[in-house]
Amino acid sequence: MIFYYNLHKFYLRRMKVQYWPFSLKFRHPFTISKGTKTHQPTLVVELEHFGIKGYGEAPAIAYYNIPVEKMIADLEAKKNFVEKFAFTDPERYWHYLHHLLPNNHFLVCALDIAAWDIYGKMRGKQLYELWGGDTSKNPICDYTIGIDPIEKMVAKMKEKPWPIYKIKVGTADDIAIVKALRENTDAILRVDANAAWDLETALLLIPQLKELGVELVEQPLAKDNWEGMKVLYKASALPLYADESCVYEADVEKCRDHFHGINIKLTKCSGITPARRMIQKARELDLQIMVGCMNESTIGSAAIAHLLPFIDHVDMDGPLLLEEDLATGIGYDFGKISYSGAPGLGITYQGLFQKP
């Protein structure tokens, strides 16, 4: 009887969870139209299932009101339930977590990534292999130039020769910024306004950006300005991609006839599991697909890397923008992403270490 009780107790608690908060320093202060930060707060979680450890990450973004402290508080409050789940596959686990933590998509994301890491290790395969992905045509990763005085933005670009740049805008000098950068590079330029423009500004600037060889514009208007986006979508000379307007799965359908593509963020949508469904839905709607980062370390960036065979564009330059990293396993060769070949995420968690 005692043996049965102990076995039953072990079965119920076979998942173990640990976590570590970090504040990762940027190489340069990172500024977008919403503000500036010098460090990226992030939470790393470790799930252990019968000795197999998986890692996940969720960065905290101030304007989504989910700081690291809230992630920790919610995890501590529900830790017993997180550990009790009888894990078999990540999709079932995500559904369980989604209902367990309905108001903390960031934490669900970190746990979901860790669960997929475990699952890949259990199956002895890299995640993209489990999903049938072909990496031979993976998109090239861009490199972000945050808002600064124009001469500083040019200097940051020259510091990092790269085939594709994402340019943060949302100032009175947006055209001057892009013009100065274009004069110093033949690389592909993408522009991200982070919802900083009104319709009149967007209608004025986009034709000029096209003349400067810009490839696409991300989130030109406020996230809820659907009427404005409907007008801009019909008039725009450049493809328009939703970011703040496309957070959850239900938002993908809304973007049709308002945007030409969507930018999926794992942390915002709550992980790999819903992101894969968003990719499928976007394909059905003939929307282009980008997966973007929120300045994750190599842990969260590795989760993005395994989705590359299924998308059109990628912005996973967090480890390049940060002075400090938390893991190894993903390589960046002039924008081309390489994998370690190890199963799951293919990363080795090291805690805080300085990048070479």
Protein backbone atom coordinates (compact mmCIF):
# COMPACT_ATOMS: atom_id res chain seq x y z
CA MET A 1 0.00 0.00 0.00
CA ILE A 2 2.84 2.36 0.88
CA PHE A 3 4.59 1.45 -2.38
CA TYR A 4 1.42 2.23 -4.37
CA TYR A 5 1.02 5.60 -2.62
CA ASN A 6 4.62 6.60 -3.31
CA LEU A 7 4.39 5.49 -6.94
CA HIS A 8 1.14 7.44 -7.38
CA LYS A 9 2.70 10.54 -5.80
CA PHE A 10 5.74 10.23 -8.08
CA TYR A 11 3.53 9.93 -11.15
CA LEU A 12 1.61 13.09 -10.28
CA ARG A 13 4.76 15.16 -9.69
CA ARG A 14 7.04 13.92 -12.43
CA MET A 15 7.43 17.43 -13.92
CA LYS A 16 9.71 19.78 -11.98
CA VAL A 17 10.08 23.51 -12.62
CA GLN A 18 12.79 26.03 -11.78
CA TYR A 19 13.24 29.61 -12.94
CA TRP A 20 15.80 32.42 -13.05
CA PRO A 21 15.22 36.15 -13.68
CA PHE A 22 17.80 38.14 -15.61
CA SER A 23 18.35 41.71 -16.78
CA LEU A 24 20.40 41.49 -19.97
CA LYS A 25 22.42 44.52 -21.03
CA PHE A 26 22.09 45.89 -24.57
CA ARG A 27 25.21 46.69 -26.61
CA HIS A 28 23.63 50.07 -27.35
CA PRO A 29 20.62 51.67 -25.60
CA PHE A 30 17.63 50.35 -27.53
CA THR A 31 15.09 52.97 -28.59
CA ILE A 32 11.83 52.61 -30.47
CA SER A 33 8.92 55.04 -30.76
CA LYS A 34 7.60 53.79 -27.40
CA GLY A 35 10.75 54.52 -25.38
CA THR A 36 14.35 53.57 -24.53
CA LYS A 37 15.87 50.80 -22.45
CA THR A 38 19.43 49.78 -21.59
CA HIS A 39 18.61 46.28 -20.30
CA GLN A 40 16.15 43.56 -21.27
CA PRO A 41 14.43 41.89 -18.29
CA THR A 42 13.69 38.23 -19.00
CA LEU A 43 12.63 35.04 -17.23
CA VAL A 44 14.15 31.64 -17.97
CA VAL A 45 12.29 28.50 -16.93
CA GLU A 46 13.56 24.95 -16.70
CA LEU A 47 11.20 22.00 -16.84
CA GLU A 48 12.49 18.56 -15.91
CA HIS A 49 10.63 15.41 -16.95
CA PHE A 50 12.16 12.08 -15.85
CA GLY A 51 15.63 13.62 -15.94
CA ILE A 52 15.21 15.40 -19.28
CA LYS A 53 15.55 19.16 -18.95
CA GLY A 54 13.95 21.70 -21.25
CA TYR A 55 14.41 25.47 -21.28
CA GLY A 56 12.13 28.35 -22.21
CA GLU A 57 12.25 32.12 -22.02
CA ALA A 58 9.88 35.08 -21.86
CA PRO A 59 11.19 38.66 -21.97
CA ALA A 60 9.20 41.30 -20.13
CA ILE A 61 7.91 44.26 -22.16
CA ALA A 62 6.76 47.29 -20.15
CA TYR A 63 3.84 48.32 -22.38
CA TYR A 64 2.27 44.83 -22.09
CA ASN A 65 2.22 45.14 -18.28
CA ILE A 66 3.66 41.70 -17.56
CA PRO A 67 6.94 42.29 -15.68
CA VAL A 68 9.22 39.46 -14.62
CA GLU A 69 7.90 39.86 -11.07
CA LYS A 70 4.37 39.00 -12.21
CA MET A 71 5.59 35.96 -14.12
CA ILE A 72 7.37 34.73 -10.99
CA ALA A 73 4.38 35.44 -8.74
CA ASP A 74 1.99 33.59 -11.05
CA LEU A 75 4.38 30.66 -11.39
CA GLU A 76 4.84 30.39 -7.63
CA ALA A 77 1.07 30.54 -7.13
CA LYS A 78 0.43 27.73 -9.63
CA LYS A 79 3.70 25.82 -9.36
CA ASN A 80 2.07 22.72 -7.87
CA PHE A 81 -0.34 22.50 -10.82
CA VAL A 82 2.39 23.18 -13.39
CA GLU A 83 4.35 20.25 -12.00
CA LYS A 84 1.44 17.85 -11.60
CA PHE A 85 0.54 17.62 -15.27
CA ALA A 86 1.14 14.15 -16.73
CA PHE A 87 3.22 15.29 -19.71
CA THR A 88 2.90 13.44 -23.00
CA ASP A 89 3.14 16.14 -25.67
CA PRO A 90 3.54 19.95 -25.75
CA GLU A 91 0.21 20.75 -27.39
CA ARG A 92 -1.78 19.12 -24.59
CA TYR A 93 0.44 20.86 -22.06
CA TRP A 94 -0.10 24.25 -23.71
CA HIS A 95 -3.89 23.84 -23.53
CA TYR A 96 -3.58 22.99 -19.84
CA LEU A 97 -1.33 26.01 -19.17
CA HIS A 98 -3.54 28.30 -21.26
CA HIS A 99 -6.44 27.62 -18.90
CA LEU A 100 -4.27 27.51 -15.77
CA LEU A 101 -2.66 30.91 -16.47
CA PRO A 102 -5.22 32.77 -18.63
CA ASN A 103 -3.83 36.23 -17.88
CA ASN A 104 -0.13 35.54 -18.34
CA HIS A 105 0.66 34.62 -21.95
CA PHE A 106 4.31 35.48 -21.39
CA LEU A 107 4.75 32.82 -18.71
CA VAL A 108 2.78 30.29 -20.75
CA CYS A 109 5.17 30.98 -23.63
CA ALA A 110 8.27 30.22 -21.54
CA LEU A 111 6.76 26.97 -20.27
CA ASP A 112 5.57 25.99 -23.74
CA ILE A 113 9.04 26.47 -25.24
CA ALA A 114 10.56 24.38 -22.44
CA ALA A 115 7.99 21.65 -23.05
CA TRP A 116 8.85 21.54 -26.76
CA ASP A 117 12.55 21.34 -25.84
CA ILE A 118 11.82 18.30 -23.68
CA TYR A 119 9.66 16.71 -26.37
CA GLY A 120 12.35 17.07 -29.03
CA LYS A 121 14.89 15.51 -26.68
CA MET A 122 12.49 12.66 -25.90
CA ARG A 123 12.13 12.00 -29.63
CA GLY A 124 15.82 12.56 -30.39
CA LYS A 125 15.08 15.19 -33.05
CA GLN A 126 15.47 18.90 -33.62
CA LEU A 127 12.12 20.66 -33.49
CA TYR A 128 12.02 21.64 -37.16
CA GLU A 129 12.63 17.96 -37.99
CA LEU A 130 9.65 16.91 -35.88
CA TRP A 131 7.51 19.34 -37.90
CA GLY A 132 8.84 18.21 -41.29
CA GLY A 133 10.72 21.44 -42.03
CA ASP A 134 13.27 21.91 -44.82
CA THR A 135 15.94 24.40 -43.75
CA SER A 136 17.51 24.79 -47.20
CA LYS A 137 15.42 27.88 -47.96
CA ASN A 138 15.32 29.49 -44.54
CA PRO A 139 14.84 33.28 -44.57
CA ILE A 140 17.78 35.52 -43.64
CA CYS A 141 17.64 37.22 -40.24
CA ASP A 142 17.60 41.00 -40.21
CA TYR A 143 19.52 43.29 -37.84
CA THR A 144 17.72 46.11 -36.02
CA ILE A 145 18.91 49.71 -35.89
CA GLY A 146 17.19 51.46 -33.00
CA ILE A 147 16.29 55.15 -33.02
CA ASP A 148 19.19 57.51 -32.34
CA PRO A 149 20.65 60.68 -33.82
CA ILE A 150 21.14 60.01 -37.52
CA GLU A 151 24.93 59.89 -37.35
CA LYS A 152 24.71 57.32 -34.51
CA MET A 153 22.29 55.16 -36.51
CA VAL A 154 24.67 55.21 -39.47
CA ALA A 155 27.55 54.31 -37.15
CA LYS A 156 25.63 51.36 -35.68
CA MET A 157 24.88 50.10 -39.17
CA LYS A 158 28.53 50.35 -40.22
CA GLU A 159 29.53 48.56 -37.03
CA LYS A 160 27.47 45.55 -38.12
CA PRO A 161 27.63 44.89 -41.88
CA TRP A 162 24.50 42.87 -42.63
CA PRO A 163 22.32 41.90 -45.64
CA ILE A 164 19.02 43.13 -44.13
CA TYR A 165 18.37 45.94 -41.67
CA LYS A 166 15.19 46.71 -39.76
CA ILE A 167 15.07 50.46 -39.14
CA LYS A 168 13.09 51.75 -36.19
CA VAL A 169 11.29 54.99 -37.00
CA GLY A 170 8.59 57.21 -35.54
CA THR A 171 10.32 60.59 -35.41
CA ALA A 172 10.07 63.89 -37.26
CA ASP A 173 13.17 62.83 -39.24
CA ASP A 174 12.08 59.43 -40.55
CA ILE A 175 12.81 60.12 -44.20
CA ALA A 176 16.14 61.74 -43.38
CA ILE A 177 17.07 58.69 -41.29
CA VAL A 178 16.30 56.20 -44.05
CA LYS A 179 17.94 58.39 -46.68
CA ALA A 180 21.17 58.59 -44.66
CA LEU A 181 21.23 54.85 -44.12
CA ARG A 182 20.52 54.16 -47.78
CA GLU A 183 23.45 56.38 -48.77
CA ASN A 184 25.70 54.08 -46.75
CA THR A 185 24.43 50.62 -47.73
CA ASP A 186 22.95 48.59 -50.57
CA ALA A 187 21.38 46.15 -48.07
CA ILE A 188 17.66 45.47 -47.88
CA LEU A 189 15.94 47.99 -45.60
CA ARG A 190 12.75 47.36 -43.67
CA VAL A 191 10.99 50.06 -41.66
CA ASP A 192 9.18 49.53 -38.36
CA ALA A 193 7.09 52.45 -37.08
CA ASN A 194 5.79 50.62 -33.97
CA ALA A 195 2.38 52.29 -34.45
CA ALA A 196 3.85 55.81 -34.38
CA TRP A 197 2.24 57.29 -37.52
CA ASP A 198 -1.24 58.56 -38.24
CA LEU A 199 -2.88 57.82 -41.58
CA GLU A 200 -1.90 61.15 -43.15
CA THR A 201 1.75 60.66 -42.20
CA ALA A 202 1.81 57.09 -43.50
CA LEU A 203 0.27 58.13 -46.84
CA LEU A 204 2.93 60.82 -47.16
CA LEU A 205 5.97 58.78 -46.10
CA ILE A 206 5.41 55.37 -47.71
CA PRO A 207 5.87 56.52 -51.36
CA GLN A 208 9.10 58.24 -50.33
CA LEU A 209 10.29 55.09 -48.56
CA LYS A 210 9.60 53.08 -51.67
CA GLU A 211 11.79 55.49 -53.65
CA LEU A 212 14.56 54.81 -51.12
CA GLY A 213 14.31 51.07 -51.77
CA VAL A 214 12.53 50.05 -48.57
CA GLU A 215 11.13 46.50 -48.78
CA LEU A 216 8.23 46.67 -46.32
CA VAL A 217 6.69 48.69 -43.49
CA GLU A 218 5.77 47.19 -40.15
CA GLN A 219 2.89 48.45 -37.98
CA PRO A 220 2.50 51.96 -39.45
CA LEU A 221 -0.65 52.94 -37.49
CA ALA A 222 -2.05 52.47 -34.00
CA LYS A 223 -2.90 48.84 -33.26
CA ASP A 224 -6.67 49.47 -33.18
CA ASN A 225 -6.86 51.83 -36.17
CA TRP A 226 -8.51 49.26 -38.42
CA GLU A 227 -10.37 51.84 -40.50
CA GLY A 228 -7.15 53.71 -41.19
CA MET A 229 -5.38 50.46 -42.09
CA LYS A 230 -8.13 49.57 -44.55
CA VAL A 231 -7.49 52.85 -46.39
CA LEU A 232 -3.70 52.50 -46.19
CA TYR A 233 -3.80 48.87 -47.34
CA LYS A 234 -5.50 49.89 -50.58
CA ALA A 235 -3.21 52.87 -51.19
CA SER A 236 0.17 51.63 -50.00
CA ALA A 237 3.03 51.27 -52.46
CA LEU A 238 4.77 48.90 -50.01
CA PRO A 239 3.70 45.71 -48.21
CA LEU A 240 2.36 46.39 -44.71
CA TYR A 241 2.96 43.98 -41.82
CA ALA A 242 0.99 43.81 -38.57
CA ASP A 243 2.80 43.56 -35.26
CA GLU A 244 0.93 45.23 -32.39
CA SER A 245 -2.29 44.58 -34.34
CA CYS A 246 -1.59 40.83 -34.45
CA VAL A 247 -1.00 39.47 -30.96
CA TYR A 248 -3.27 36.44 -30.58
CA GLU A 249 -4.58 33.74 -32.89
CA ALA A 250 -7.91 35.51 -33.38
CA ASP A 251 -6.08 38.57 -34.72
CA VAL A 252 -4.81 36.79 -37.83
CA GLU A 253 -8.25 36.78 -39.46
CA LYS A 254 -8.69 40.48 -38.65
CA CYS A 255 -5.53 41.34 -40.56
CA ARG A 256 -6.88 40.17 -43.90
CA ASP A 257 -7.59 43.14 -46.19
CA HIS A 258 -5.79 45.42 -43.72
CA PHE A 259 -2.21 44.10 -43.92
CA HIS A 260 -0.19 42.13 -46.44
CA GLY A 261 1.54 40.13 -43.73
CA ILE A 262 1.82 39.52 -40.00
CA ASN A 263 4.66 39.50 -37.48
CA ILE A 264 4.18 36.75 -34.90
CA LYS A 265 5.84 37.17 -31.51
CA LEU A 266 6.07 33.95 -29.47
CA THR A 267 5.96 35.73 -26.13
CA LYS A 268 2.84 37.73 -26.99
CA CYS A 269 0.85 34.88 -28.54
CA SER A 270 1.89 32.49 -25.71
CA GLY A 271 4.41 30.20 -27.33
CA ILE A 272 5.39 27.88 -30.14
CA THR A 273 2.11 25.95 -30.04
CA PRO A 274 -0.23 28.87 -30.95
CA ALA A 275 2.42 30.37 -33.26
CA ARG A 276 2.33 27.24 -35.43
CA ARG A 277 -1.44 27.56 -35.71
CA MET A 278 -1.11 31.25 -36.59
CA ILE A 279 1.34 30.33 -39.37
CA GLN A 280 -1.13 27.82 -40.77
CA LYS A 281 -4.00 30.31 -40.63
CA ALA A 282 -1.92 33.03 -42.29
CA ARG A 283 -1.09 30.65 -45.13
CA GLU A 284 -4.78 29.93 -45.61
CA LEU A 285 -5.45 33.67 -45.84
CA ASP A 286 -2.53 34.27 -48.24
CA LEU A 287 -0.77 36.53 -45.73
CA GLN A 288 3.02 36.77 -45.63
CA ILE A 289 4.59 35.63 -42.37
CA MET A 290 7.35 37.09 -40.26
CA VAL A 291 8.31 35.82 -36.83
CA GLY A 292 9.83 38.54 -34.71
CA CYS A 293 11.72 38.76 -31.45
CA MET A 294 11.34 40.74 -28.26
CA ASN A 295 15.08 40.82 -27.63
CA GLU A 296 15.27 37.27 -26.33
CA SER A 297 18.57 35.60 -25.56
CA THR A 298 19.64 32.52 -27.51
CA ILE A 299 17.02 30.46 -25.61
CA GLY A 300 13.97 32.26 -26.97
CA SER A 301 15.71 32.92 -30.28
CA ALA A 302 16.30 29.19 -30.79
CA ALA A 303 12.54 28.63 -30.56
CA ILE A 304 12.10 31.13 -33.41
CA ALA A 305 14.90 29.48 -35.40
CA HIS A 306 13.03 26.17 -35.64
CA LEU A 307 10.06 27.93 -37.26
CA LEU A 308 12.20 29.33 -40.10
CA PRO A 309 11.30 26.65 -42.68
CA PHE A 310 7.65 27.68 -42.44
CA ILE A 311 7.85 31.49 -42.71
CA ASP A 312 8.89 34.24 -45.14
CA HIS A 313 10.86 36.72 -42.99
CA VAL A 314 12.54 36.60 -39.60
CA ASP A 315 13.64 39.12 -37.00
CA MET A 316 15.50 37.12 -34.34
CA ASP A 317 18.47 39.37 -33.67
CA GLY A 318 18.12 39.56 -29.90
CA PRO A 319 21.44 37.78 -29.18
CA LEU A 320 23.18 40.21 -31.57
CA LEU A 321 21.76 43.27 -29.82
CA LEU A 322 22.53 42.05 -26.31
CA GLU A 323 25.92 42.32 -24.64
CA GLU A 324 25.08 39.30 -22.49
CA ASP A 325 23.60 35.92 -23.41
CA LEU A 326 22.26 32.89 -21.56
CA ALA A 327 22.90 29.95 -23.89
CA THR A 328 24.72 28.69 -26.95
CA GLY A 329 23.51 26.63 -29.91
CA ILE A 330 22.33 29.07 -32.60
CA GLY A 331 24.77 30.66 -35.05
CA TYR A 332 24.46 33.86 -37.12
CA ASP A 333 26.57 33.98 -40.27
CA PHE A 334 25.80 37.27 -42.05
CA GLY A 335 22.11 36.64 -41.37
CA LYS A 336 22.11 32.92 -42.14
CA ILE A 337 21.01 30.91 -39.10
CA SER A 338 22.76 27.66 -38.20
CA TYR A 339 21.68 24.95 -35.75
CA SER A 340 23.77 22.90 -33.33
CA GLY A 341 22.22 19.61 -34.49
CA ALA A 342 21.30 18.65 -30.92
CA PRO A 343 17.69 17.56 -30.28
CA GLY A 344 14.94 19.86 -29.05
CA LEU A 345 15.91 23.53 -29.18
CA GLY A 346 19.51 22.46 -29.66
CA ILE A 347 20.82 24.87 -27.04
CA THR A 348 23.05 24.60 -23.99
CA TYR A 349 21.88 26.75 -21.09
CA GLN A 350 24.81 28.44 -19.37
CA GLY A 351 23.25 31.11 -17.23
CA LEU A 352 24.62 34.60 -17.58
CA PHE A 353 27.80 34.85 -19.61
CA GLN A 354 29.55 37.47 -21.69
CA LYS A 355 29.41 37.09 -25.45
CA PRO A 356 32.80 36.94 -27.25
